[in-house]
Amino acid sequence: QDQIGTALAEFRSTTKAEALEIGVRKAKHQSTHLRNTLQAIESTMATSACIMQEAGKLMSSFFAGLPTAGLKKKITESFCRFDSNGGGWLDKQEFAKAFALMGQRLPE
């Protein structure tokens, strides 16, 4: 509320050209902020893709020697062992622990 009031007071005390300049500066600032946020998201997505690829390779090698009939049971048992909080998915700490128990390090 205070920001809106301040912005309105500022707007009323300026000329149209000054108001336009202020608007352009604010838009540029927002654009820069948005660009930085999108770059951070892109970096996070790339890291996540790398981790998922490594996890897939590790899981394939870990379960490679099992007969097909017992594979689903073994995967479910392993998942439940790593899902320490029972959330139905592995958070970063649980995932890192799973990697460590298989002799691997979670990629950064």
PDB file of N, CA and C in Angstrom:
ATOM      1  N   GLN A   1       0.825  -1.189   0.000  1.00  0.00           N
ATOM      2  CA  GLN A   1       0.000   0.000   0.000  1.00  0.00           C
ATOM      3  C   GLN A   1       0.869   1.252   0.000  1.00  0.00           C
ATOM      4  N   ASP A   2       1.873   1.286   0.866  1.00  0.00           N
ATOM      5  CA  ASP A   2       2.750   2.459   0.934  1.00  0.00           C
ATOM      6  C   ASP A   2       3.478   2.688  -0.375  1.00  0.00           C
ATOM      7  N   GLN A   3       3.898   1.605  -1.020  1.00  0.00           N
ATOM      8  CA  GLN A   3       4.606   1.741  -2.293  1.00  0.00           C
ATOM      9  C   GLN A   3       3.693   2.335  -3.357  1.00  0.00           C
ATOM     10  N   ILE A   4       2.444   1.929  -3.358  1.00  0.00           N
ATOM     11  CA  ILE A   4       1.494   2.454  -4.332  1.00  0.00           C
ATOM     12  C   ILE A   4       1.256   3.941  -4.081  1.00  0.00           C
ATOM     13  N   GLY A   5       1.052   4.299  -2.818  1.00  0.00           N
ATOM     14  CA  GLY A   5       0.853   5.700  -2.473  1.00  0.00           C
ATOM     15  C   GLY A   5       2.050   6.554  -2.835  1.00  0.00           C
ATOM     16  N   THR A   6       3.223   6.047  -2.550  1.00  0.00           N
ATOM     17  CA  THR A   6       4.453   6.772  -2.881  1.00  0.00           C
ATOM     18  C   THR A   6       4.581   6.930  -4.393  1.00  0.00           C
ATOM     19  N   ALA A   7       4.297   5.861  -5.116  1.00  0.00           N
ATOM     20  CA  ALA A   7       4.380   5.906  -6.574  1.00  0.00           C
ATOM     21  C   ALA A   7       3.374   6.908  -7.143  1.00  0.00           C
ATOM     22  N   LEU A   8       2.155   6.929  -6.602  1.00  0.00           N
ATOM     23  CA  LEU A   8       1.141   7.884  -7.068  1.00  0.00           C
ATOM     24  C   LEU A   8       1.563   9.327  -6.781  1.00  0.00           C
ATOM     25  N   ALA A   9       2.087   9.573  -5.598  1.00  0.00           N
ATOM     26  CA  ALA A   9       2.543  10.920  -5.255  1.00  0.00           C
ATOM     27  C   ALA A   9       3.683  11.348  -6.174  1.00  0.00           C
ATOM     28  N   GLU A  10       4.583  10.417  -6.435  1.00  0.00           N
ATOM     29  CA  GLU A  10       5.706  10.700  -7.325  1.00  0.00           C
ATOM     30  C   GLU A  10       5.198  10.997  -8.730  1.00  0.00           C
ATOM     31  N   PHE A  11       4.239  10.220  -9.166  1.00  0.00           N
ATOM     32  CA  PHE A  11       3.687  10.393 -10.504  1.00  0.00           C
ATOM     33  C   PHE A  11       2.988  11.754 -10.644  1.00  0.00           C
ATOM     34  N   ARG A  12       2.222  12.129  -9.639  1.00  0.00           N
ATOM     35  CA  ARG A  12       1.474  13.390  -9.690  1.00  0.00           C
ATOM     36  C   ARG A  12       2.401  14.609  -9.707  1.00  0.00           C
ATOM     37  N   SER A  13       3.585  14.461  -9.123  1.00  0.00           N
ATOM     38  CA  SER A  13       4.485  15.612  -9.024  1.00  0.00           C
ATOM     39  C   SER A  13       5.469  15.695 -10.194  1.00  0.00           C
ATOM     40  N   THR A  14       5.319  14.847 -11.171  1.00  0.00           N
ATOM     41  CA  THR A  14       6.239  14.862 -12.303  1.00  0.00           C
ATOM     42  C   THR A  14       5.525  15.252 -13.587  1.00  0.00           C
ATOM     43  N   THR A  15       6.304  15.630 -14.559  1.00  0.00           N
ATOM     44  CA  THR A  15       5.750  15.913 -15.881  1.00  0.00           C
ATOM     45  C   THR A  15       5.521  14.583 -16.580  1.00  0.00           C
ATOM     46  N   LYS A  16       4.817  14.619 -17.681  1.00  0.00           N
ATOM     47  CA  LYS A  16       4.569  13.388 -18.440  1.00  0.00           C
ATOM     48  C   LYS A  16       5.878  12.758 -18.920  1.00  0.00           C
ATOM     49  N   ALA A  17       6.802  13.578 -19.352  1.00  0.00           N
ATOM     50  CA  ALA A  17       8.096  13.061 -19.820  1.00  0.00           C
ATOM     51  C   ALA A  17       8.857  12.399 -18.685  1.00  0.00           C
ATOM     52  N   GLU A  18       8.828  13.029 -17.516  1.00  0.00           N
ATOM     53  CA  GLU A  18       9.512  12.443 -16.358  1.00  0.00           C
ATOM     54  C   GLU A  18       8.833  11.138 -15.945  1.00  0.00           C
ATOM     55  N   ALA A  19       7.515  11.140 -15.970  1.00  0.00           N
ATOM     56  CA  ALA A  19       6.774   9.930 -15.611  1.00  0.00           C
ATOM     57  C   ALA A  19       7.094   8.803 -16.572  1.00  0.00           C
ATOM     58  N   LEU A  20       7.175   9.118 -17.850  1.00  0.00           N
ATOM     59  CA  LEU A  20       7.526   8.117 -18.850  1.00  0.00           C
ATOM     60  C   LEU A  20       8.929   7.578 -18.606  1.00  0.00           C
ATOM     61  N   GLU A  21       9.858   8.464 -18.290  1.00  0.00           N
ATOM     62  CA  GLU A  21      11.234   8.047 -18.009  1.00  0.00           C
ATOM     63  C   GLU A  21      11.287   7.123 -16.790  1.00  0.00           C
ATOM     64  N   ILE A  22      10.530   7.481 -15.763  1.00  0.00           N
ATOM     65  CA  ILE A  22      10.476   6.638 -14.560  1.00  0.00           C
ATOM     66  C   ILE A  22       9.922   5.264 -14.911  1.00  0.00           C
ATOM     67  N   GLY A  23       8.852   5.247 -15.695  1.00  0.00           N
ATOM     68  CA  GLY A  23       8.257   3.975 -16.120  1.00  0.00           C
ATOM     69  C   GLY A  23       9.218   3.120 -16.918  1.00  0.00           C
ATOM     70  N   VAL A  24       9.963   3.750 -17.806  1.00  0.00           N
ATOM     71  CA  VAL A  24      10.941   3.016 -18.616  1.00  0.00           C
ATOM     72  C   VAL A  24      12.045   2.440 -17.728  1.00  0.00           C
ATOM     73  N   ARG A  25      12.538   3.240 -16.773  1.00  0.00           N
ATOM     74  CA  ARG A  25      13.576   2.743 -15.846  1.00  0.00           C
ATOM     75  C   ARG A  25      13.070   1.537 -15.050  1.00  0.00           C
ATOM     76  N   LYS A  26      11.842   1.646 -14.569  1.00  0.00           N
ATOM     77  CA  LYS A  26      11.279   0.536 -13.784  1.00  0.00           C
ATOM     78  C   LYS A  26      11.091  -0.707 -14.653  1.00  0.00           C
ATOM     79  N   ALA A  27      10.655  -0.510 -15.888  1.00  0.00           N
ATOM     80  CA  ALA A  27      10.486  -1.644 -16.806  1.00  0.00           C
ATOM     81  C   ALA A  27      11.826  -2.308 -17.105  1.00  0.00           C
ATOM     82  N   LYS A  28      12.874  -1.499 -17.288  1.00  0.00           N
ATOM     83  CA  LYS A  28      14.210  -2.063 -17.527  1.00  0.00           C
ATOM     84  C   LYS A  28      14.688  -2.857 -16.323  1.00  0.00           C
ATOM     85  N   HIS A  29      14.429  -2.315 -15.131  1.00  0.00           N
ATOM     86  CA  HIS A  29      14.819  -3.015 -13.906  1.00  0.00           C
ATOM     87  C   HIS A  29      14.087  -4.359 -13.815  1.00  0.00           C
ATOM     88  N   GLN A  30      12.789  -4.349 -14.074  1.00  0.00           N
ATOM     89  CA  GLN A  30      12.005  -5.589 -14.023  1.00  0.00           C
ATOM     90  C   GLN A  30      12.482  -6.576 -15.082  1.00  0.00           C
ATOM     91  N   SER A  31      12.833  -6.063 -16.253  1.00  0.00           N
ATOM     92  CA  SER A  31      13.327  -6.914 -17.331  1.00  0.00           C
ATOM     93  C   SER A  31      14.637  -7.590 -16.927  1.00  0.00           C
ATOM     94  N   THR A  32      15.530  -6.844 -16.318  1.00  0.00           N
ATOM     95  CA  THR A  32      16.800  -7.395 -15.850  1.00  0.00           C
ATOM     96  C   THR A  32      16.558  -8.461 -14.779  1.00  0.00           C
ATOM     97  N   HIS A  33      15.674  -8.155 -13.856  1.00  0.00           N
ATOM     98  CA  HIS A  33      15.344  -9.112 -12.787  1.00  0.00           C
ATOM     99  C   HIS A  33      14.759 -10.401 -13.384  1.00  0.00           C
ATOM    100  N   LEU A  34      13.856 -10.247 -14.337  1.00  0.00           N
ATOM    101  CA  LEU A  34      13.246 -11.407 -14.981  1.00  0.00           C
ATOM    102  C   LEU A  34      14.296 -12.216 -15.734  1.00  0.00           C
ATOM    103  N   ARG A  35      15.189 -11.550 -16.454  1.00  0.00           N
ATOM    104  CA  ARG A  35      16.241 -12.242 -17.195  1.00  0.00           C
ATOM    105  C   ARG A  35      17.133 -13.040 -16.239  1.00  0.00           C
ATOM    106  N   ASN A  36      17.498 -12.439 -15.108  1.00  0.00           N
ATOM    107  CA  ASN A  36      18.330 -13.136 -14.118  1.00  0.00           C
ATOM    108  C   ASN A  36      17.600 -14.348 -13.546  1.00  0.00           C
ATOM    109  N   THR A  37      16.325 -14.175 -13.274  1.00  0.00           N
ATOM    110  CA  THR A  37      15.529 -15.290 -12.746  1.00  0.00           C
ATOM    111  C   THR A  37      15.448 -16.424 -13.759  1.00  0.00           C
ATOM    112  N   LEU A  38      15.214 -16.095 -15.011  1.00  0.00           N
ATOM    113  CA  LEU A  38      15.142 -17.114 -16.059  1.00  0.00           C
ATOM    114  C   LEU A  38      16.478 -17.833 -16.239  1.00  0.00           C
ATOM    115  N   GLN A  39      17.585 -17.108 -16.122  1.00  0.00           N
ATOM    116  CA  GLN A  39      18.903 -17.741 -16.218  1.00  0.00           C
ATOM    117  C   GLN A  39      19.121 -18.711 -15.057  1.00  0.00           C
ATOM    118  N   ALA A  40      18.668 -18.333 -13.862  1.00  0.00           N
ATOM    119  CA  ALA A  40      18.796 -19.218 -12.698  1.00  0.00           C
ATOM    120  C   ALA A  40      17.952 -20.472 -12.889  1.00  0.00           C
ATOM    121  N   ILE A  41      16.759 -20.310 -13.436  1.00  0.00           N
ATOM    122  CA  ILE A  41      15.889 -21.466 -13.697  1.00  0.00           C
ATOM    123  C   ILE A  41      16.529 -22.377 -14.740  1.00  0.00           C
ATOM    124  N   GLU A  42      17.070 -21.792 -15.792  1.00  0.00           N
ATOM    125  CA  GLU A  42      17.722 -22.567 -16.841  1.00  0.00           C
ATOM    126  C   GLU A  42      18.894 -23.375 -16.283  1.00  0.00           C
ATOM    127  N   SER A  43      19.679 -22.755 -15.417  1.00  0.00           N
ATOM    128  CA  SER A  43      20.809 -23.438 -14.798  1.00  0.00           C
ATOM    129  C   SER A  43      20.330 -24.594 -13.917  1.00  0.00           C
ATOM    130  N   THR A  44      19.282 -24.354 -13.154  1.00  0.00           N
ATOM    131  CA  THR A  44      18.725 -25.398 -12.293  1.00  0.00           C
ATOM    132  C   THR A  44      18.203 -26.568 -13.123  1.00  0.00           C
ATOM    133  N   MET A  45      17.529 -26.266 -14.228  1.00  0.00           N
ATOM    134  CA  MET A  45      17.002 -27.318 -15.100  1.00  0.00           C
ATOM    135  C   MET A  45      18.135 -28.139 -15.708  1.00  0.00           C
ATOM    136  N   ALA A  46      19.203 -27.481 -16.120  1.00  0.00           N
ATOM    137  CA  ALA A  46      20.342 -28.199 -16.697  1.00  0.00           C
ATOM    138  C   ALA A  46      20.979 -29.111 -15.661  1.00  0.00           C
ATOM    139  N   THR A  47      21.140 -28.618 -14.439  1.00  0.00           N
ATOM    140  CA  THR A  47      21.706 -29.434 -13.359  1.00  0.00           C
ATOM    141  C   THR A  47      20.798 -30.619 -13.058  1.00  0.00           C
ATOM    142  N   SER A  48      19.493 -30.377 -13.012  1.00  0.00           N
ATOM    143  CA  SER A  48      18.534 -31.453 -12.749  1.00  0.00           C
ATOM    144  C   SER A  48      18.593 -32.519 -13.836  1.00  0.00           C
ATOM    145  N   ALA A  49      18.705 -32.100 -15.091  1.00  0.00           N
ATOM    146  CA  ALA A  49      18.795 -33.051 -16.196  1.00  0.00           C
ATOM    147  C   ALA A  49      20.048 -33.918 -16.063  1.00  0.00           C
ATOM    148  N   CYS A  50      21.154 -33.292 -15.671  1.00  0.00           N
ATOM    149  CA  CYS A  50      22.409 -34.027 -15.475  1.00  0.00           C
ATOM    150  C   CYS A  50      22.262 -35.048 -14.353  1.00  0.00           C
ATOM    151  N   ILE A  51      21.659 -34.641 -13.259  1.00  0.00           N
ATOM    152  CA  ILE A  51      21.464 -35.544 -12.123  1.00  0.00           C
ATOM    153  C   ILE A  51      20.566 -36.713 -12.515  1.00  0.00           C
ATOM    154  N   MET A  52      19.494 -36.432 -13.245  1.00  0.00           N
ATOM    155  CA  MET A  52      18.583 -37.497 -13.655  1.00  0.00           C
ATOM    156  C   MET A  52      19.265 -38.478 -14.606  1.00  0.00           C
ATOM    157  N   GLN A  53      20.096 -37.964 -15.497  1.00  0.00           N
ATOM    158  CA  GLN A  53      20.825 -38.833 -16.415  1.00  0.00           C
ATOM    159  C   GLN A  53      21.783 -39.742 -15.643  1.00  0.00           C
ATOM    160  N   GLU A  54      22.519 -39.168 -14.709  1.00  0.00           N
ATOM    161  CA  GLU A  54      23.442 -39.955 -13.893  1.00  0.00           C
ATOM    162  C   GLU A  54      22.686 -40.974 -13.047  1.00  0.00           C
ATOM    163  N   ALA A  55      21.553 -40.563 -12.503  1.00  0.00           N
ATOM    164  CA  ALA A  55      20.743 -41.483 -11.695  1.00  0.00           C
ATOM    165  C   ALA A  55      20.257 -42.654 -12.542  1.00  0.00           C
ATOM    166  N   GLY A  56      19.833 -42.362 -13.755  1.00  0.00           N
ATOM    167  CA  GLY A  56      19.384 -43.427 -14.659  1.00  0.00           C
ATOM    168  C   GLY A  56      20.482 -44.430 -14.947  1.00  0.00           C
ATOM    169  N   LYS A  57      21.691 -43.933 -15.216  1.00  0.00           N
ATOM    170  CA  LYS A  57      22.831 -44.823 -15.469  1.00  0.00           C
ATOM    171  C   LYS A  57      23.135 -45.669 -14.239  1.00  0.00           C
ATOM    172  N   LEU A  58      23.150 -45.014 -13.091  1.00  0.00           N
ATOM    173  CA  LEU A  58      23.471 -45.716 -11.852  1.00  0.00           C
ATOM    174  C   LEU A  58      22.433 -46.780 -11.540  1.00  0.00           C
ATOM    175  N   MET A  59      21.161 -46.419 -11.699  1.00  0.00           N
ATOM    176  CA  MET A  59      20.095 -47.379 -11.406  1.00  0.00           C
ATOM    177  C   MET A  59      20.150 -48.559 -12.378  1.00  0.00           C
ATOM    178  N   SER A  60      20.428 -48.280 -13.643  1.00  0.00           N
ATOM    179  CA  SER A  60      20.527 -49.360 -14.631  1.00  0.00           C
ATOM    180  C   SER A  60      21.636 -50.340 -14.267  1.00  0.00           C
ATOM    181  N   SER A  61      22.788 -49.810 -13.883  1.00  0.00           N
ATOM    182  CA  SER A  61      23.886 -50.705 -13.528  1.00  0.00           C
ATOM    183  C   SER A  61      23.620 -51.417 -12.208  1.00  0.00           C
ATOM    184  N   PHE A  62      22.972 -50.742 -11.274  1.00  0.00           N
ATOM    185  CA  PHE A  62      22.690 -51.325  -9.962  1.00  0.00           C
ATOM    186  C   PHE A  62      21.739 -52.519 -10.072  1.00  0.00           C
ATOM    187  N   PHE A  63      20.735 -52.406 -10.945  1.00  0.00           N
ATOM    188  CA  PHE A  63      19.728 -53.461 -11.077  1.00  0.00           C
ATOM    189  C   PHE A  63      19.963 -54.378 -12.279  1.00  0.00           C
ATOM    190  N   ALA A  64      21.075 -54.221 -12.987  1.00  0.00           N
ATOM    191  CA  ALA A  64      21.323 -54.953 -14.235  1.00  0.00           C
ATOM    192  C   ALA A  64      21.320 -56.474 -14.072  1.00  0.00           C
ATOM    193  N   GLY A  65      21.827 -56.982 -12.974  1.00  0.00           N
ATOM    194  CA  GLY A  65      21.950 -58.428 -12.820  1.00  0.00           C
ATOM    195  C   GLY A  65      20.694 -59.133 -12.312  1.00  0.00           C
ATOM    196  N   LEU A  66      19.653 -58.405 -12.023  1.00  0.00           N
ATOM    197  CA  LEU A  66      18.452 -59.025 -11.462  1.00  0.00           C
ATOM    198  C   LEU A  66      17.558 -59.623 -12.541  1.00  0.00           C
ATOM    199  N   PRO A  67      16.958 -60.778 -12.236  1.00  0.00           N
ATOM    200  CA  PRO A  67      15.981 -61.315 -13.191  1.00  0.00           C
ATOM    201  C   PRO A  67      14.763 -60.386 -13.260  1.00  0.00           C
ATOM    202  N   THR A  68      14.134 -60.332 -14.418  1.00  0.00           N
ATOM    203  CA  THR A  68      13.011 -59.418 -14.649  1.00  0.00           C
ATOM    204  C   THR A  68      11.892 -59.618 -13.630  1.00  0.00           C
ATOM    205  N   ALA A  69      11.617 -60.846 -13.264  1.00  0.00           N
ATOM    206  CA  ALA A  69      10.516 -61.133 -12.339  1.00  0.00           C
ATOM    207  C   ALA A  69      10.708 -60.452 -10.982  1.00  0.00           C
ATOM    208  N   GLY A  70      11.913 -60.366 -10.496  1.00  0.00           N
ATOM    209  CA  GLY A  70      12.158 -59.777  -9.187  1.00  0.00           C
ATOM    210  C   GLY A  70      12.528 -58.301  -9.226  1.00  0.00           C
ATOM    211  N   LEU A  71      12.623 -57.742 -10.427  1.00  0.00           N
ATOM    212  CA  LEU A  71      13.099 -56.378 -10.583  1.00  0.00           C
ATOM    213  C   LEU A  71      12.171 -55.351  -9.925  1.00  0.00           C
ATOM    214  N   LYS A  72      10.873 -55.442 -10.183  1.00  0.00           N
ATOM    215  CA  LYS A  72       9.929 -54.469  -9.617  1.00  0.00           C
ATOM    216  C   LYS A  72       9.971 -54.510  -8.090  1.00  0.00           C
ATOM    217  N   LYS A  73      10.003 -55.701  -7.536  1.00  0.00           N
ATOM    218  CA  LYS A  73      10.040 -55.843  -6.081  1.00  0.00           C
ATOM    219  C   LYS A  73      11.321 -55.237  -5.520  1.00  0.00           C
ATOM    220  N   LYS A  74      12.456 -55.513  -6.151  1.00  0.00           N
ATOM    221  CA  LYS A  74      13.740 -54.996  -5.676  1.00  0.00           C
ATOM    222  C   LYS A  74      13.786 -53.472  -5.763  1.00  0.00           C
ATOM    223  N   ILE A  75      13.271 -52.900  -6.859  1.00  0.00           N
ATOM    224  CA  ILE A  75      13.251 -51.443  -7.009  1.00  0.00           C
ATOM    225  C   ILE A  75      12.364 -50.818  -5.944  1.00  0.00           C
ATOM    226  N   THR A  76      11.185 -51.398  -5.717  1.00  0.00           N
ATOM    227  CA  THR A  76      10.265 -50.875  -4.704  1.00  0.00           C
ATOM    228  C   THR A  76      10.886 -50.950  -3.313  1.00  0.00           C
ATOM    229  N   GLU A  77      11.512 -52.079  -2.988  1.00  0.00           N
ATOM    230  CA  GLU A  77      12.170 -52.219  -1.682  1.00  0.00           C
ATOM    231  C   GLU A  77      13.292 -51.185  -1.516  1.00  0.00           C
ATOM    232  N   SER A  78      14.080 -51.004  -2.562  1.00  0.00           N
ATOM    233  CA  SER A  78      15.184 -50.041  -2.501  1.00  0.00           C
ATOM    234  C   SER A  78      14.656 -48.627  -2.333  1.00  0.00           C
ATOM    235  N   PHE A  79      13.621 -48.303  -3.095  1.00  0.00           N
ATOM    236  CA  PHE A  79      13.040 -46.963  -3.000  1.00  0.00           C
ATOM    237  C   PHE A  79      12.540 -46.705  -1.582  1.00  0.00           C
ATOM    238  N   CYS A  80      11.807 -47.661  -1.030  1.00  0.00           N
ATOM    239  CA  CYS A  80      11.263 -47.487   0.319  1.00  0.00           C
ATOM    240  C   CYS A  80      12.372 -47.337   1.356  1.00  0.00           C
ATOM    241  N   ARG A  81      13.486 -48.034   1.144  1.00  0.00           N
ATOM    242  CA  ARG A  81      14.612 -47.911   2.062  1.00  0.00           C
ATOM    243  C   ARG A  81      15.216 -46.506   2.015  1.00  0.00           C
ATOM    244  N   PHE A  82      15.265 -45.903   0.831  1.00  0.00           N
ATOM    245  CA  PHE A  82      15.842 -44.574   0.686  1.00  0.00           C
ATOM    246  C   PHE A  82      14.854 -43.459   1.038  1.00  0.00           C
ATOM    247  N   ASP A  83      13.564 -43.722   0.902  1.00  0.00           N
ATOM    248  CA  ASP A  83      12.523 -42.720   1.200  1.00  0.00           C
ATOM    249  C   ASP A  83      12.295 -42.696   2.710  1.00  0.00           C
ATOM    250  N   SER A  84      13.250 -42.136   3.428  1.00  0.00           N
ATOM    251  CA  SER A  84      13.247 -42.223   4.892  1.00  0.00           C
ATOM    252  C   SER A  84      12.070 -41.503   5.551  1.00  0.00           C
ATOM    253  N   ASN A  85      11.538 -40.474   4.911  1.00  0.00           N
ATOM    254  CA  ASN A  85      10.408 -39.767   5.532  1.00  0.00           C
ATOM    255  C   ASN A  85       9.057 -40.271   5.038  1.00  0.00           C
ATOM    256  N   GLY A  86       9.054 -41.277   4.159  1.00  0.00           N
ATOM    257  CA  GLY A  86       7.806 -41.859   3.667  1.00  0.00           C
ATOM    258  C   GLY A  86       6.995 -40.924   2.782  1.00  0.00           C
ATOM    259  N   GLY A  87       7.644 -39.927   2.187  1.00  0.00           N
ATOM    260  CA  GLY A  87       6.936 -38.936   1.377  1.00  0.00           C
ATOM    261  C   GLY A  87       6.503 -39.425   0.005  1.00  0.00           C
ATOM    262  N   GLY A  88       6.991 -40.572  -0.439  1.00  0.00           N
ATOM    263  CA  GLY A  88       6.614 -41.088  -1.748  1.00  0.00           C
ATOM    264  C   GLY A  88       7.522 -40.594  -2.878  1.00  0.00           C
ATOM    265  N   TRP A  89       8.534 -39.832  -2.516  1.00  0.00           N
ATOM    266  CA  TRP A  89       9.529 -39.369  -3.469  1.00  0.00           C
ATOM    267  C   TRP A  89      10.817 -39.094  -2.698  1.00  0.00           C
ATOM    268  N   LEU A  90      11.930 -39.012  -3.411  1.00  0.00           N
ATOM    269  CA  LEU A  90      13.215 -38.792  -2.751  1.00  0.00           C
ATOM    270  C   LEU A  90      13.587 -37.322  -2.819  1.00  0.00           C
ATOM    271  N   ASP A  91      13.795 -36.714  -1.643  1.00  0.00           N
ATOM    272  CA  ASP A  91      14.279 -35.340  -1.638  1.00  0.00           C
ATOM    273  C   ASP A  91      15.792 -35.377  -1.887  1.00  0.00           C
ATOM    274  N   LYS A  92      16.409 -34.213  -1.946  1.00  0.00           N
ATOM    275  CA  LYS A  92      17.832 -34.148  -2.299  1.00  0.00           C
ATOM    276  C   LYS A  92      18.697 -34.940  -1.326  1.00  0.00           C
ATOM    277  N   GLN A  93      18.413 -34.833  -0.026  1.00  0.00           N
ATOM    278  CA  GLN A  93      19.223 -35.549   0.966  1.00  0.00           C
ATOM    279  C   GLN A  93      19.051 -37.065   0.823  1.00  0.00           C
ATOM    280  N   GLU A  94      17.818 -37.517   0.606  1.00  0.00           N
ATOM    281  CA  GLU A  94      17.574 -38.949   0.436  1.00  0.00           C
ATOM    282  C   GLU A  94      18.239 -39.458  -0.840  1.00  0.00           C
ATOM    283  N   PHE A  95      18.163 -38.656  -1.896  1.00  0.00           N
ATOM    284  CA  PHE A  95      18.772 -39.024  -3.164  1.00  0.00           C
ATOM    285  C   PHE A  95      20.287 -39.125  -3.015  1.00  0.00           C
ATOM    286  N   ALA A  96      20.881 -38.167  -2.309  1.00  0.00           N
ATOM    287  CA  ALA A  96      22.330 -38.179  -2.081  1.00  0.00           C
ATOM    288  C   ALA A  96      22.732 -39.413  -1.262  1.00  0.00           C
ATOM    289  N   LYS A  97      21.919 -39.757  -0.272  1.00  0.00           N
ATOM    290  CA  LYS A  97      22.202 -40.939   0.550  1.00  0.00           C
ATOM    291  C   LYS A  97      22.135 -42.205  -0.307  1.00  0.00           C
ATOM    292  N   ALA A  98      21.143 -42.280  -1.193  1.00  0.00           N
ATOM    293  CA  ALA A  98      21.016 -43.432  -2.087  1.00  0.00           C
ATOM    294  C   ALA A  98      22.260 -43.548  -2.970  1.00  0.00           C
ATOM    295  N   PHE A  99      22.704 -42.443  -3.527  1.00  0.00           N
ATOM    296  CA  PHE A  99      23.914 -42.448  -4.351  1.00  0.00           C
ATOM    297  C   PHE A  99      25.100 -42.919  -3.527  1.00  0.00           C
ATOM    298  N   ALA A 100      25.244 -42.374  -2.320  1.00  0.00           N
ATOM    299  CA  ALA A 100      26.386 -42.724  -1.463  1.00  0.00           C
ATOM    300  C   ALA A 100      26.389 -44.214  -1.124  1.00  0.00           C
ATOM    301  N   LEU A 101      25.226 -44.770  -0.831  1.00  0.00           N
ATOM    302  CA  LEU A 101      25.146 -46.197  -0.500  1.00  0.00           C
ATOM    303  C   LEU A 101      25.490 -47.079  -1.685  1.00  0.00           C
ATOM    304  N   MET A 102      25.372 -46.529  -2.886  1.00  0.00           N
ATOM    305  CA  MET A 102      25.737 -47.281  -4.098  1.00  0.00           C
ATOM    306  C   MET A 102      27.159 -46.940  -4.549  1.00  0.00           C
ATOM    307  N   GLY A 103      27.887 -46.224  -3.660  1.00  0.00           N
ATOM    308  CA  GLY A 103      29.278 -45.913  -3.962  1.00  0.00           C
ATOM    309  C   GLY A 103      29.469 -44.759  -4.928  1.00  0.00           C
ATOM    310  N   GLN A 104      28.482 -43.915  -5.061  1.00  0.00           N
ATOM    311  CA  GLN A 104      28.552 -42.795  -5.988  1.00  0.00           C
ATOM    312  C   GLN A 104      28.345 -41.488  -5.236  1.00  0.00           C
ATOM    313  N   ARG A 105      28.685 -40.400  -5.905  1.00  0.00           N
ATOM    314  CA  ARG A 105      28.474 -39.061  -5.350  1.00  0.00           C
ATOM    315  C   ARG A 105      27.469 -38.334  -6.221  1.00  0.00           C
ATOM    316  N   LEU A 106      26.505 -37.696  -5.612  1.00  0.00           N
ATOM    317  CA  LEU A 106      25.485 -36.953  -6.342  1.00  0.00           C
ATOM    318  C   LEU A 106      26.151 -35.804  -7.097  1.00  0.00           C
ATOM    319  N   PRO A 107      25.939 -35.681  -8.418  1.00  0.00           N
ATOM    320  CA  PRO A 107      26.542 -34.570  -9.163  1.00  0.00           C
ATOM    321  C   PRO A 107      26.069 -33.230  -8.619  1.00  0.00           C
ATOM    322  N   GLU A 108      26.934 -32.236  -8.672  1.00  0.00           N
ATOM    323  CA  GLU A 108      26.587 -30.885  -8.193  1.00  0.00           C
ATOM    324  C   GLU A 108      25.779 -30.165  -9.234  1.00  0.00           C
TER     325      GLU A 108
END
